[in-house]
Amino acid sequence: MEDIFPTQLIDLLTIAVTLSMVVMALLQKFKSLPFIKKSFYIWFLNLIFSFSIAIPFTEKFYHLPYKDGIWVGFFTFIGAPTIYSALKNQTILRYKPSSISDTVHLSIKNEIKRV
């Protein structure tokens, strides 16, 4: 595998996958704000979050140079929307119990007391 993809690229992609999940969660929180009305705003926020989080993250925790942080930011920018659309297509993001009968209720006599 190292013949096709250099180890450094695989390392940067691994970091970007982790950050893509963080950026996706941030985008979901910001999507509910009233002034976010167009998809262009989401795209712009994705761009800002990807680079503003990736560069310091790679420098602080992985001790990578600034240029590698830019690459991680780029991969994160591409990856966050892809992860979001994949999860949305699998209905993971929209899950809600369909009725109250889907929830589990325990009586007080079954309560576990922790010491």
Protein backbone atom coordinates (compact mmCIF):
# COMPACT_ATOMS: atom_id res chain seq x y z
CA MET A 1 0.00 0.00 0.00
CA GLU A 2 2.92 2.32 0.68
CA ASP A 3 3.94 1.99 -2.96
CA ILE A 4 0.72 3.65 -4.09
CA PHE A 5 0.05 6.06 -1.22
CA PRO A 6 2.83 7.58 0.88
CA THR A 7 2.59 7.07 4.62
CA GLN A 8 2.37 10.81 5.21
CA LEU A 9 -0.73 11.09 2.98
CA ILE A 10 -2.43 8.27 4.84
CA ASP A 11 -1.61 9.97 8.16
CA LEU A 12 -3.05 13.29 6.95
CA LEU A 13 -6.21 11.59 5.69
CA THR A 14 -6.66 9.82 9.03
CA ILE A 15 -6.47 13.13 10.89
CA ALA A 16 -8.87 14.70 8.38
CA VAL A 17 -11.46 11.97 8.90
CA THR A 18 -11.52 12.71 12.61
CA LEU A 19 -11.77 16.45 12.08
CA SER A 20 -14.48 15.99 9.45
CA MET A 21 -16.74 14.53 12.12
CA VAL A 22 -16.09 17.50 14.40
CA VAL A 23 -16.71 20.00 11.58
CA MET A 24 -19.89 18.14 10.59
CA ALA A 25 -21.21 18.41 14.15
CA LEU A 26 -20.39 22.12 14.25
CA LEU A 27 -22.12 22.70 10.93
CA GLN A 28 -25.24 20.96 12.21
CA LYS A 29 -25.33 23.27 15.22
CA PHE A 30 -24.83 26.38 13.11
CA LYS A 31 -27.40 25.26 10.52
CA SER A 32 -30.20 25.90 12.98
CA LEU A 33 -29.29 29.57 13.43
CA PRO A 34 -31.84 31.96 11.93
CA PHE A 35 -29.38 33.91 9.77
CA ILE A 36 -28.19 30.76 7.93
CA LYS A 37 -30.70 30.77 5.08
CA LYS A 38 -28.75 29.68 2.00
CA SER A 39 -26.57 26.68 1.25
CA PHE A 40 -23.74 29.04 0.33
CA TYR A 41 -23.54 30.07 3.99
CA ILE A 42 -23.06 26.44 5.02
CA TRP A 43 -20.35 26.03 2.39
CA PHE A 44 -18.58 29.14 3.65
CA LEU A 45 -18.83 28.02 7.29
CA ASN A 46 -17.44 24.63 6.30
CA LEU A 47 -14.46 26.36 4.68
CA ILE A 48 -13.80 28.52 7.73
CA PHE A 49 -14.22 25.71 10.28
CA SER A 50 -12.12 23.24 8.30
CA PHE A 51 -9.03 25.41 8.12
CA SER A 52 -9.39 27.25 11.42
CA ILE A 53 -9.60 23.97 13.34
CA ALA A 54 -7.27 21.79 11.25
CA ILE A 55 -4.17 23.99 11.25
CA PRO A 56 -3.91 24.51 15.04
CA PHE A 57 -5.03 20.92 15.71
CA THR A 58 -2.28 19.38 13.60
CA GLU A 59 0.37 21.73 15.00
CA LYS A 60 -0.62 21.21 18.64
CA PHE A 61 -1.39 17.50 18.84
CA TYR A 62 0.65 16.00 15.99
CA HIS A 63 3.51 18.52 15.84
CA LEU A 64 3.14 18.75 12.07
CA PRO A 65 4.24 21.77 10.05
CA TYR A 66 1.86 24.49 8.91
CA LYS A 67 1.74 23.11 5.34
CA ASP A 68 0.48 19.73 6.54
CA GLY A 69 -2.21 21.54 8.53
CA ILE A 70 -3.38 23.20 5.33
CA TRP A 71 -3.65 19.80 3.63
CA VAL A 72 -5.62 18.41 6.57
CA GLY A 73 -7.90 21.45 6.35
CA PHE A 74 -8.44 20.81 2.65
CA PHE A 75 -9.24 17.12 3.20
CA THR A 76 -11.53 18.06 6.08
CA PHE A 77 -13.32 20.61 3.89
CA ILE A 78 -13.98 17.91 1.30
CA GLY A 79 -14.77 15.21 3.84
CA ALA A 80 -17.29 16.89 6.16
CA PRO A 81 -20.06 17.28 3.56
CA THR A 82 -19.42 13.76 2.27
CA ILE A 83 -19.77 12.23 5.73
CA TYR A 84 -22.89 14.30 6.37
CA SER A 85 -24.58 13.22 3.14
CA ALA A 86 -23.67 9.57 3.75
CA LEU A 87 -25.16 9.63 7.24
CA LYS A 88 -28.23 11.50 6.04
CA ASN A 89 -28.84 8.94 3.29
CA GLN A 90 -28.69 6.16 5.87
CA THR A 91 -31.23 8.02 8.06
CA ILE A 92 -28.86 8.03 11.02
CA LEU A 93 -29.16 11.79 11.48
CA ARG A 94 -32.97 11.87 11.32
CA TYR A 95 -33.71 9.08 13.79
CA LYS A 96 -36.56 9.69 16.19
CA PRO A 97 -38.64 7.04 17.94
CA SER A 98 -41.76 6.59 15.83
CA SER A 99 -44.00 6.28 18.86
CA ILE A 100 -43.90 6.21 22.61
CA SER A 101 -44.14 2.43 22.48
CA ASP A 102 -40.60 2.44 21.03
CA THR A 103 -39.22 3.76 24.31
CA VAL A 104 -38.37 1.60 27.29
CA HIS A 105 -39.74 2.48 30.72
CA LEU A 106 -38.39 0.90 33.88
CA SER A 107 -40.21 0.80 37.17
CA ILE A 108 -38.57 2.25 40.25
CA LYS A 109 -38.16 -1.21 41.81
CA ASN A 110 -35.73 -2.10 38.99
CA GLU A 111 -33.54 0.92 39.69
CA ILE A 112 -29.88 0.16 40.26
CA LYS A 113 -28.44 2.07 43.20
CA ARG A 114 -24.83 3.08 42.75
CA VAL A 115 -22.67 3.48 45.76
